[in-house]
Amino acid sequence: MPVIVWILLATITVSLISLVGVISLSIKGNLLQRILLLLVGFSAGTLIGGAFLHLLPETLERLSTPTTFLFVLIGFSFFFIMERVLFWRHCHDEHCSYHSFTYLNLYGDGIHNFLDGLIIAGSFVAGIPVGIATTLAVITHEIPQELGEFGVLIYGGFSKMRALFFNLLSALMAVAGGIIGYYLSLNCFGFDVFLLPFTAGGFIYIGASDLIPELHKEKVSWKSNLAFASFLLGLLFMWGTKQLLR
């Protein structure tokens, strides 16, 4: 199957994850919070596992060690700056403003999804197994994020159907990013190789700076331990995919 088809299937799948907000309509608030905590832990594990078990080993086969880790730091710093500028952090009640934040949130999420598309495209050009692993890491991150995004839009005054519609529009930016990323990889020498460590830096930043701190906020011991177990499960999941995709 051509690489562009893999990229389109992956980015369309990632985009459709935005509809996961529908699920939250039928789940009670307390249960949703417990599920989200486990999803956040699993997501942190897959992102960090994807960076260290898939992206970095693949990059080190193609680039020198100093260059690889330089681009990891560039990716880490880029996501830090973008988060500060566009307020990508998961929204908490005490920090959300009304409509102004919802539109800024959609704008930031659209850029985020476009970058996801670029990342997925570069990963598939580097190799189908790397692309599959990267897509899985993106998906596990998108599920808790999209549930959170849906909640932010509802909080900001959107109706449920309007929130789902705009979330989907924002998510479809991943498809645009995938197509552009594919053609950049073909026409810009080394684009995909340098994108892999850049992505690893971003994954490490999101996992360690955004998601793991969320787990530390849980004060109940057994819930905290369960969240940590879900983090380890995420690492194990990425290790398992590494073995399967060899």
C-alpha atoms as a PDB file:
ATOM      1  CA  MET A   1       0.000   0.000   0.000  1.00  0.00           C
ATOM      2  CA  PRO A   2       1.469   3.425  -0.964  1.00  0.00           C
ATOM      3  CA  VAL A   3       2.809   5.584   1.885  1.00  0.00           C
ATOM      4  CA  ILE A   4       0.349   8.398   1.116  1.00  0.00           C
ATOM      5  CA  VAL A   5      -2.556   5.979   1.660  1.00  0.00           C
ATOM      6  CA  TRP A   6      -1.134   4.970   5.048  1.00  0.00           C
ATOM      7  CA  ILE A   7      -0.819   8.652   5.951  1.00  0.00           C
ATOM      8  CA  LEU A   8      -4.387   9.453   4.882  1.00  0.00           C
ATOM      9  CA  LEU A   9      -5.827   6.470   6.786  1.00  0.00           C
ATOM     10  CA  ALA A  10      -3.843   7.394   9.912  1.00  0.00           C
ATOM     11  CA  THR A  11      -4.716  11.106   9.880  1.00  0.00           C
ATOM     12  CA  ILE A  12      -8.396  10.480   9.111  1.00  0.00           C
ATOM     13  CA  THR A  13      -8.517   8.014  12.020  1.00  0.00           C
ATOM     14  CA  VAL A  14      -6.865  10.555  14.318  1.00  0.00           C
ATOM     15  CA  SER A  15      -9.338  13.215  13.146  1.00  0.00           C
ATOM     16  CA  LEU A  16     -12.344  11.012  13.887  1.00  0.00           C
ATOM     17  CA  ILE A  17     -11.113  10.671  17.469  1.00  0.00           C
ATOM     18  CA  SER A  18     -12.565  14.155  17.963  1.00  0.00           C
ATOM     19  CA  LEU A  19     -16.017  12.533  17.960  1.00  0.00           C
ATOM     20  CA  VAL A  20     -15.107  10.733  21.178  1.00  0.00           C
ATOM     21  CA  GLY A  21     -16.811  13.664  22.914  1.00  0.00           C
ATOM     22  CA  VAL A  22     -20.091  11.875  22.162  1.00  0.00           C
ATOM     23  CA  ILE A  23     -19.086   9.244  24.716  1.00  0.00           C
ATOM     24  CA  SER A  24     -18.879  11.816  27.482  1.00  0.00           C
ATOM     25  CA  LEU A  25     -22.571  12.630  26.993  1.00  0.00           C
ATOM     26  CA  SER A  26     -23.582   9.228  28.372  1.00  0.00           C
ATOM     27  CA  ILE A  27     -21.021   8.940  31.190  1.00  0.00           C
ATOM     28  CA  LYS A  28     -21.626  10.299  34.679  1.00  0.00           C
ATOM     29  CA  GLY A  29     -19.222  13.003  35.826  1.00  0.00           C
ATOM     30  CA  ASN A  30     -17.435  11.018  38.554  1.00  0.00           C
ATOM     31  CA  LEU A  31     -16.948   7.964  36.327  1.00  0.00           C
ATOM     32  CA  LEU A  32     -15.674  10.168  33.502  1.00  0.00           C
ATOM     33  CA  GLN A  33     -13.085  11.730  35.797  1.00  0.00           C
ATOM     34  CA  ARG A  34     -11.824   8.289  36.856  1.00  0.00           C
ATOM     35  CA  ILE A  35     -11.610   7.117  33.259  1.00  0.00           C
ATOM     36  CA  LEU A  36      -9.813  10.305  32.227  1.00  0.00           C
ATOM     37  CA  LEU A  37      -7.174   9.806  34.906  1.00  0.00           C
ATOM     38  CA  LEU A  38      -6.420   6.315  33.590  1.00  0.00           C
ATOM     39  CA  LEU A  39      -6.389   7.563  29.998  1.00  0.00           C
ATOM     40  CA  VAL A  40      -4.013  10.380  30.898  1.00  0.00           C
ATOM     41  CA  GLY A  41      -1.643   7.902  32.589  1.00  0.00           C
ATOM     42  CA  PHE A  42      -1.776   5.527  29.617  1.00  0.00           C
ATOM     43  CA  SER A  43      -1.278   8.425  27.210  1.00  0.00           C
ATOM     44  CA  ALA A  44       1.794   9.668  29.103  1.00  0.00           C
ATOM     45  CA  GLY A  45       3.271   6.169  28.934  1.00  0.00           C
ATOM     46  CA  THR A  46       2.664   5.781  25.198  1.00  0.00           C
ATOM     47  CA  LEU A  47       4.072   9.211  24.351  1.00  0.00           C
ATOM     48  CA  ILE A  48       7.249   8.744  26.378  1.00  0.00           C
ATOM     49  CA  GLY A  49       7.532   5.098  25.311  1.00  0.00           C
ATOM     50  CA  GLY A  50       7.016   6.069  21.670  1.00  0.00           C
ATOM     51  CA  ALA A  51       9.787   8.652  21.908  1.00  0.00           C
ATOM     52  CA  PHE A  52      12.361   6.372  23.564  1.00  0.00           C
ATOM     53  CA  LEU A  53      11.434   3.011  22.045  1.00  0.00           C
ATOM     54  CA  HIS A  54      10.479   3.954  18.471  1.00  0.00           C
ATOM     55  CA  LEU A  55      11.453   7.444  17.334  1.00  0.00           C
ATOM     56  CA  LEU A  56      14.896   7.828  18.894  1.00  0.00           C
ATOM     57  CA  PRO A  57      16.225   4.350  17.951  1.00  0.00           C
ATOM     58  CA  GLU A  58      15.033   4.928  14.367  1.00  0.00           C
ATOM     59  CA  THR A  59      16.728   8.352  14.272  1.00  0.00           C
ATOM     60  CA  LEU A  60      20.012   7.114  15.747  1.00  0.00           C
ATOM     61  CA  GLU A  61      20.315   4.687  12.836  1.00  0.00           C
ATOM     62  CA  ARG A  62      20.345   7.666  10.450  1.00  0.00           C
ATOM     63  CA  LEU A  63      21.803  10.634  12.333  1.00  0.00           C
ATOM     64  CA  SER A  64      24.760  11.163  14.645  1.00  0.00           C
ATOM     65  CA  THR A  65      24.023  11.147  18.367  1.00  0.00           C
ATOM     66  CA  PRO A  66      24.753  14.898  18.951  1.00  0.00           C
ATOM     67  CA  THR A  67      22.515  15.927  16.020  1.00  0.00           C
ATOM     68  CA  THR A  68      19.729  13.613  17.166  1.00  0.00           C
ATOM     69  CA  PHE A  69      19.607  14.999  20.686  1.00  0.00           C
ATOM     70  CA  LEU A  70      19.980  18.585  19.453  1.00  0.00           C
ATOM     71  CA  PHE A  71      16.713  18.124  17.523  1.00  0.00           C
ATOM     72  CA  VAL A  72      15.120  16.463  20.555  1.00  0.00           C
ATOM     73  CA  LEU A  73      15.895  19.636  22.524  1.00  0.00           C
ATOM     74  CA  ILE A  74      14.597  21.818  19.689  1.00  0.00           C
ATOM     75  CA  GLY A  75      11.344  19.839  19.635  1.00  0.00           C
ATOM     76  CA  PHE A  76      11.035  19.980  23.428  1.00  0.00           C
ATOM     77  CA  SER A  77      11.618  23.754  23.426  1.00  0.00           C
ATOM     78  CA  PHE A  78       9.241  24.335  20.513  1.00  0.00           C
ATOM     79  CA  PHE A  79       6.346  22.600  22.271  1.00  0.00           C
ATOM     80  CA  PHE A  80       7.142  24.538  25.450  1.00  0.00           C
ATOM     81  CA  ILE A  81       6.987  27.849  23.572  1.00  0.00           C
ATOM     82  CA  MET A  82       3.850  26.922  21.654  1.00  0.00           C
ATOM     83  CA  GLU A  83       2.113  25.919  24.848  1.00  0.00           C
ATOM     84  CA  ARG A  84       2.932  29.241  26.432  1.00  0.00           C
ATOM     85  CA  VAL A  85       1.753  31.200  23.400  1.00  0.00           C
ATOM     86  CA  LEU A  86      -1.383  29.226  22.535  1.00  0.00           C
ATOM     87  CA  PHE A  87      -2.411  27.918  25.994  1.00  0.00           C
ATOM     88  CA  TRP A  88      -2.386  24.272  24.951  1.00  0.00           C
ATOM     89  CA  ARG A  89      -2.605  23.010  28.506  1.00  0.00           C
ATOM     90  CA  HIS A  90      -5.681  21.055  29.506  1.00  0.00           C
ATOM     91  CA  CYS A  91      -8.194  23.575  30.760  1.00  0.00           C
ATOM     92  CA  HIS A  92      -9.143  23.584  34.438  1.00  0.00           C
ATOM     93  CA  ASP A  93     -12.212  25.351  35.743  1.00  0.00           C
ATOM     94  CA  GLU A  94     -10.270  27.936  37.679  1.00  0.00           C
ATOM     95  CA  HIS A  95      -8.270  29.027  34.623  1.00  0.00           C
ATOM     96  CA  CYS A  96     -10.898  29.066  31.847  1.00  0.00           C
ATOM     97  CA  SER A  97     -12.385  32.300  30.592  1.00  0.00           C
ATOM     98  CA  TYR A  98     -15.670  32.322  28.733  1.00  0.00           C
ATOM     99  CA  HIS A  99     -15.945  32.509  24.942  1.00  0.00           C
ATOM    100  CA  SER A 100     -12.524  34.098  24.393  1.00  0.00           C
ATOM    101  CA  PHE A 101     -10.811  30.945  25.591  1.00  0.00           C
ATOM    102  CA  THR A 102     -12.982  28.575  23.546  1.00  0.00           C
ATOM    103  CA  TYR A 103     -11.976  30.176  20.239  1.00  0.00           C
ATOM    104  CA  LEU A 104      -8.339  30.456  21.248  1.00  0.00           C
ATOM    105  CA  ASN A 105      -8.576  26.812  22.300  1.00  0.00           C
ATOM    106  CA  LEU A 106      -9.923  25.792  18.865  1.00  0.00           C
ATOM    107  CA  TYR A 107      -7.209  27.812  17.119  1.00  0.00           C
ATOM    108  CA  GLY A 108      -4.446  26.236  19.195  1.00  0.00           C
ATOM    109  CA  ASP A 109      -5.925  22.765  18.781  1.00  0.00           C
ATOM    110  CA  GLY A 110      -6.099  23.228  14.996  1.00  0.00           C
ATOM    111  CA  ILE A 111      -2.380  24.032  14.863  1.00  0.00           C
ATOM    112  CA  HIS A 112      -1.698  21.118  17.196  1.00  0.00           C
ATOM    113  CA  ASN A 113      -3.609  18.751  14.896  1.00  0.00           C
ATOM    114  CA  PHE A 114      -1.786  20.101  11.836  1.00  0.00           C
ATOM    115  CA  LEU A 115       1.530  19.331  13.547  1.00  0.00           C
ATOM    116  CA  ASP A 116       0.234  15.843  14.393  1.00  0.00           C
ATOM    117  CA  GLY A 117      -0.382  15.349  10.667  1.00  0.00           C
ATOM    118  CA  LEU A 118       3.155  16.483   9.815  1.00  0.00           C
ATOM    119  CA  ILE A 119       4.542  14.160  12.480  1.00  0.00           C
ATOM    120  CA  ILE A 120       2.542  11.166  11.238  1.00  0.00           C
ATOM    121  CA  ALA A 121       3.570  11.835   7.632  1.00  0.00           C
ATOM    122  CA  GLY A 122       7.263  12.097   8.491  1.00  0.00           C
ATOM    123  CA  SER A 123       7.066   8.916  10.537  1.00  0.00           C
ATOM    124  CA  PHE A 124       5.456   6.896   7.742  1.00  0.00           C
ATOM    125  CA  VAL A 125       8.008   8.158   5.215  1.00  0.00           C
ATOM    126  CA  ALA A 126      10.733   6.964   7.609  1.00  0.00           C
ATOM    127  CA  GLY A 127       9.088   3.518   7.760  1.00  0.00           C
ATOM    128  CA  ILE A 128       5.652   1.929   8.057  1.00  0.00           C
ATOM    129  CA  PRO A 129       6.337   0.425  11.541  1.00  0.00           C
ATOM    130  CA  VAL A 130       7.507   3.815  12.839  1.00  0.00           C
ATOM    131  CA  GLY A 131       4.439   5.456  11.329  1.00  0.00           C
ATOM    132  CA  ILE A 132       2.064   2.956  12.953  1.00  0.00           C
ATOM    133  CA  ALA A 133       3.730   3.350  16.354  1.00  0.00           C
ATOM    134  CA  THR A 134       3.632   7.147  16.103  1.00  0.00           C
ATOM    135  CA  THR A 135      -0.035   7.103  15.082  1.00  0.00           C
ATOM    136  CA  LEU A 136      -0.897   4.900  18.074  1.00  0.00           C
ATOM    137  CA  ALA A 137       0.931   7.305  20.399  1.00  0.00           C
ATOM    138  CA  VAL A 138      -0.925  10.267  18.897  1.00  0.00           C
ATOM    139  CA  ILE A 139      -4.288   8.481  19.206  1.00  0.00           C
ATOM    140  CA  THR A 140      -3.812   7.615  22.877  1.00  0.00           C
ATOM    141  CA  HIS A 141      -2.945  11.257  23.550  1.00  0.00           C
ATOM    142  CA  GLU A 142      -5.887  12.540  21.497  1.00  0.00           C
ATOM    143  CA  ILE A 143      -8.592  10.577  23.361  1.00  0.00           C
ATOM    144  CA  PRO A 144      -8.222  12.296  26.776  1.00  0.00           C
ATOM    145  CA  GLN A 145      -7.367  15.587  25.065  1.00  0.00           C
ATOM    146  CA  GLU A 146     -10.478  15.539  22.868  1.00  0.00           C
ATOM    147  CA  LEU A 147     -12.683  14.711  25.848  1.00  0.00           C
ATOM    148  CA  GLY A 148     -11.141  17.719  27.582  1.00  0.00           C
ATOM    149  CA  GLU A 149     -11.519  19.938  24.496  1.00  0.00           C
ATOM    150  CA  PHE A 150     -15.191  18.980  24.252  1.00  0.00           C
ATOM    151  CA  GLY A 151     -15.688  19.926  27.896  1.00  0.00           C
ATOM    152  CA  VAL A 152     -13.992  23.296  27.359  1.00  0.00           C
ATOM    153  CA  LEU A 153     -16.284  24.163  24.430  1.00  0.00           C
ATOM    154  CA  ILE A 154     -19.393  23.187  26.416  1.00  0.00           C
ATOM    155  CA  TYR A 155     -18.122  25.264  29.349  1.00  0.00           C
ATOM    156  CA  GLY A 156     -17.583  28.202  26.972  1.00  0.00           C
ATOM    157  CA  GLY A 157     -21.218  28.197  25.872  1.00  0.00           C
ATOM    158  CA  PHE A 158     -21.237  25.924  22.817  1.00  0.00           C
ATOM    159  CA  SER A 159     -24.150  23.515  22.336  1.00  0.00           C
ATOM    160  CA  LYS A 160     -23.164  19.823  22.305  1.00  0.00           C
ATOM    161  CA  MET A 161     -23.649  19.453  18.538  1.00  0.00           C
ATOM    162  CA  ARG A 162     -21.817  22.731  17.821  1.00  0.00           C
ATOM    163  CA  ALA A 163     -18.925  21.620  20.047  1.00  0.00           C
ATOM    164  CA  LEU A 164     -18.642  18.288  18.209  1.00  0.00           C
ATOM    165  CA  PHE A 165     -18.789  20.018  14.803  1.00  0.00           C
ATOM    166  CA  PHE A 166     -16.034  22.542  15.569  1.00  0.00           C
ATOM    167  CA  ASN A 167     -13.923  19.885  17.276  1.00  0.00           C
ATOM    168  CA  LEU A 168     -14.142  17.783  14.103  1.00  0.00           C
ATOM    169  CA  LEU A 169     -13.215  20.748  11.873  1.00  0.00           C
ATOM    170  CA  SER A 170     -10.190  21.423  14.059  1.00  0.00           C
ATOM    171  CA  ALA A 171      -9.235  17.737  14.034  1.00  0.00           C
ATOM    172  CA  LEU A 172      -9.332  17.553  10.213  1.00  0.00           C
ATOM    173  CA  MET A 173      -6.276  19.827  10.164  1.00  0.00           C
ATOM    174  CA  ALA A 174      -4.346  16.603  10.824  1.00  0.00           C
ATOM    175  CA  VAL A 175      -5.265  15.400   7.318  1.00  0.00           C
ATOM    176  CA  ALA A 176      -3.975  18.656   5.803  1.00  0.00           C
ATOM    177  CA  GLY A 177      -0.790  18.321   7.846  1.00  0.00           C
ATOM    178  CA  GLY A 178      -0.362  14.730   6.684  1.00  0.00           C
ATOM    179  CA  ILE A 179      -0.646  15.617   2.992  1.00  0.00           C
ATOM    180  CA  ILE A 180       1.699  18.613   3.274  1.00  0.00           C
ATOM    181  CA  GLY A 181       4.127  16.607   5.401  1.00  0.00           C
ATOM    182  CA  TYR A 182       4.237  13.840   2.801  1.00  0.00           C
ATOM    183  CA  TYR A 183       5.147  16.209  -0.020  1.00  0.00           C
ATOM    184  CA  LEU A 184       7.674  18.046   2.145  1.00  0.00           C
ATOM    185  CA  SER A 185       9.305  14.692   2.895  1.00  0.00           C
ATOM    186  CA  LEU A 186       9.561  13.963  -0.832  1.00  0.00           C
ATOM    187  CA  ASN A 187      10.886  17.375  -1.833  1.00  0.00           C
ATOM    188  CA  CYS A 188      12.921  18.533   1.195  1.00  0.00           C
ATOM    189  CA  PHE A 189      15.885  16.224   1.712  1.00  0.00           C
ATOM    190  CA  GLY A 190      16.089  14.867   5.255  1.00  0.00           C
ATOM    191  CA  PHE A 191      12.787  16.407   6.373  1.00  0.00           C
ATOM    192  CA  ASP A 192      11.445  13.122   7.739  1.00  0.00           C
ATOM    193  CA  VAL A 193      14.722  12.205   9.461  1.00  0.00           C
ATOM    194  CA  PHE A 194      14.953  15.494  11.354  1.00  0.00           C
ATOM    195  CA  LEU A 195      11.227  15.443  12.138  1.00  0.00           C
ATOM    196  CA  LEU A 196      11.565  12.195  14.122  1.00  0.00           C
ATOM    197  CA  PRO A 197      13.810  13.529  16.951  1.00  0.00           C
ATOM    198  CA  PHE A 198      11.846  16.796  16.885  1.00  0.00           C
ATOM    199  CA  THR A 199       8.693  14.731  17.454  1.00  0.00           C
ATOM    200  CA  ALA A 200      10.392  12.742  20.209  1.00  0.00           C
ATOM    201  CA  GLY A 201      11.177  15.997  22.009  1.00  0.00           C
ATOM    202  CA  GLY A 202       7.545  17.069  21.690  1.00  0.00           C
ATOM    203  CA  PHE A 203       6.258  13.717  22.943  1.00  0.00           C
ATOM    204  CA  ILE A 204       8.596  13.834  25.947  1.00  0.00           C
ATOM    205  CA  TYR A 205       7.494  17.389  26.730  1.00  0.00           C
ATOM    206  CA  ILE A 206       3.764  16.630  26.553  1.00  0.00           C
ATOM    207  CA  GLY A 207       4.108  13.405  28.542  1.00  0.00           C
ATOM    208  CA  ALA A 208       6.411  14.752  31.249  1.00  0.00           C
ATOM    209  CA  SER A 209       5.247  18.367  31.501  1.00  0.00           C
ATOM    210  CA  ASP A 210       1.515  18.178  30.803  1.00  0.00           C
ATOM    211  CA  LEU A 211       0.249  14.691  31.563  1.00  0.00           C
ATOM    212  CA  ILE A 212       2.332  13.336  34.455  1.00  0.00           C
ATOM    213  CA  PRO A 213       1.679  16.459  36.598  1.00  0.00           C
ATOM    214  CA  GLU A 214      -2.039  15.718  36.168  1.00  0.00           C
ATOM    215  CA  LEU A 215      -1.458  12.313  37.769  1.00  0.00           C
ATOM    216  CA  HIS A 216       0.310  13.929  40.730  1.00  0.00           C
ATOM    217  CA  LYS A 217      -2.831  15.928  41.526  1.00  0.00           C
ATOM    218  CA  GLU A 218      -4.645  12.765  42.596  1.00  0.00           C
ATOM    219  CA  LYS A 219      -4.368  12.633  46.402  1.00  0.00           C
ATOM    220  CA  VAL A 220      -6.111   9.296  47.012  1.00  0.00           C
ATOM    221  CA  SER A 221      -3.346   6.702  47.261  1.00  0.00           C
ATOM    222  CA  TRP A 222      -5.000   3.783  45.459  1.00  0.00           C
ATOM    223  CA  LYS A 223      -6.226   6.004  42.630  1.00  0.00           C
ATOM    224  CA  SER A 224      -2.746   7.465  42.247  1.00  0.00           C
ATOM    225  CA  ASN A 225      -1.239   3.967  42.153  1.00  0.00           C
ATOM    226  CA  LEU A 226      -3.791   2.906  39.550  1.00  0.00           C
ATOM    227  CA  ALA A 227      -2.898   5.914  37.403  1.00  0.00           C
ATOM    228  CA  PHE A 228       0.797   5.002  37.698  1.00  0.00           C
ATOM    229  CA  ALA A 229      -0.054   1.440  36.664  1.00  0.00           C
ATOM    230  CA  SER A 230      -1.811   2.817  33.580  1.00  0.00           C
ATOM    231  CA  PHE A 231       1.365   4.814  32.808  1.00  0.00           C
ATOM    232  CA  LEU A 232       3.446   1.635  33.018  1.00  0.00           C
ATOM    233  CA  LEU A 233       0.866  -0.113  30.832  1.00  0.00           C
ATOM    234  CA  GLY A 234       1.372   2.628  28.241  1.00  0.00           C
ATOM    235  CA  LEU A 235       5.139   2.008  28.267  1.00  0.00           C
ATOM    236  CA  LEU A 236       4.543  -1.733  27.987  1.00  0.00           C
ATOM    237  CA  PHE A 237       2.117  -1.162  25.113  1.00  0.00           C
ATOM    238  CA  MET A 238       4.754   0.737  23.117  1.00  0.00           C
ATOM    239  CA  TRP A 239       7.373  -1.906  23.890  1.00  0.00           C
ATOM    240  CA  GLY A 240       4.937  -4.561  22.668  1.00  0.00           C
ATOM    241  CA  THR A 241       4.276  -2.680  19.434  1.00  0.00           C
ATOM    242  CA  LYS A 242       8.062  -2.444  18.967  1.00  0.00           C
ATOM    243  CA  GLN A 243       8.296  -6.232  19.068  1.00  0.00           C
ATOM    244  CA  LEU A 244       5.273  -6.767  16.804  1.00  0.00           C
ATOM    245  CA  LEU A 245       6.338  -4.224  14.181  1.00  0.00           C
ATOM    246  CA  ARG A 246       9.895  -5.463  13.747  1.00  0.00           C
END
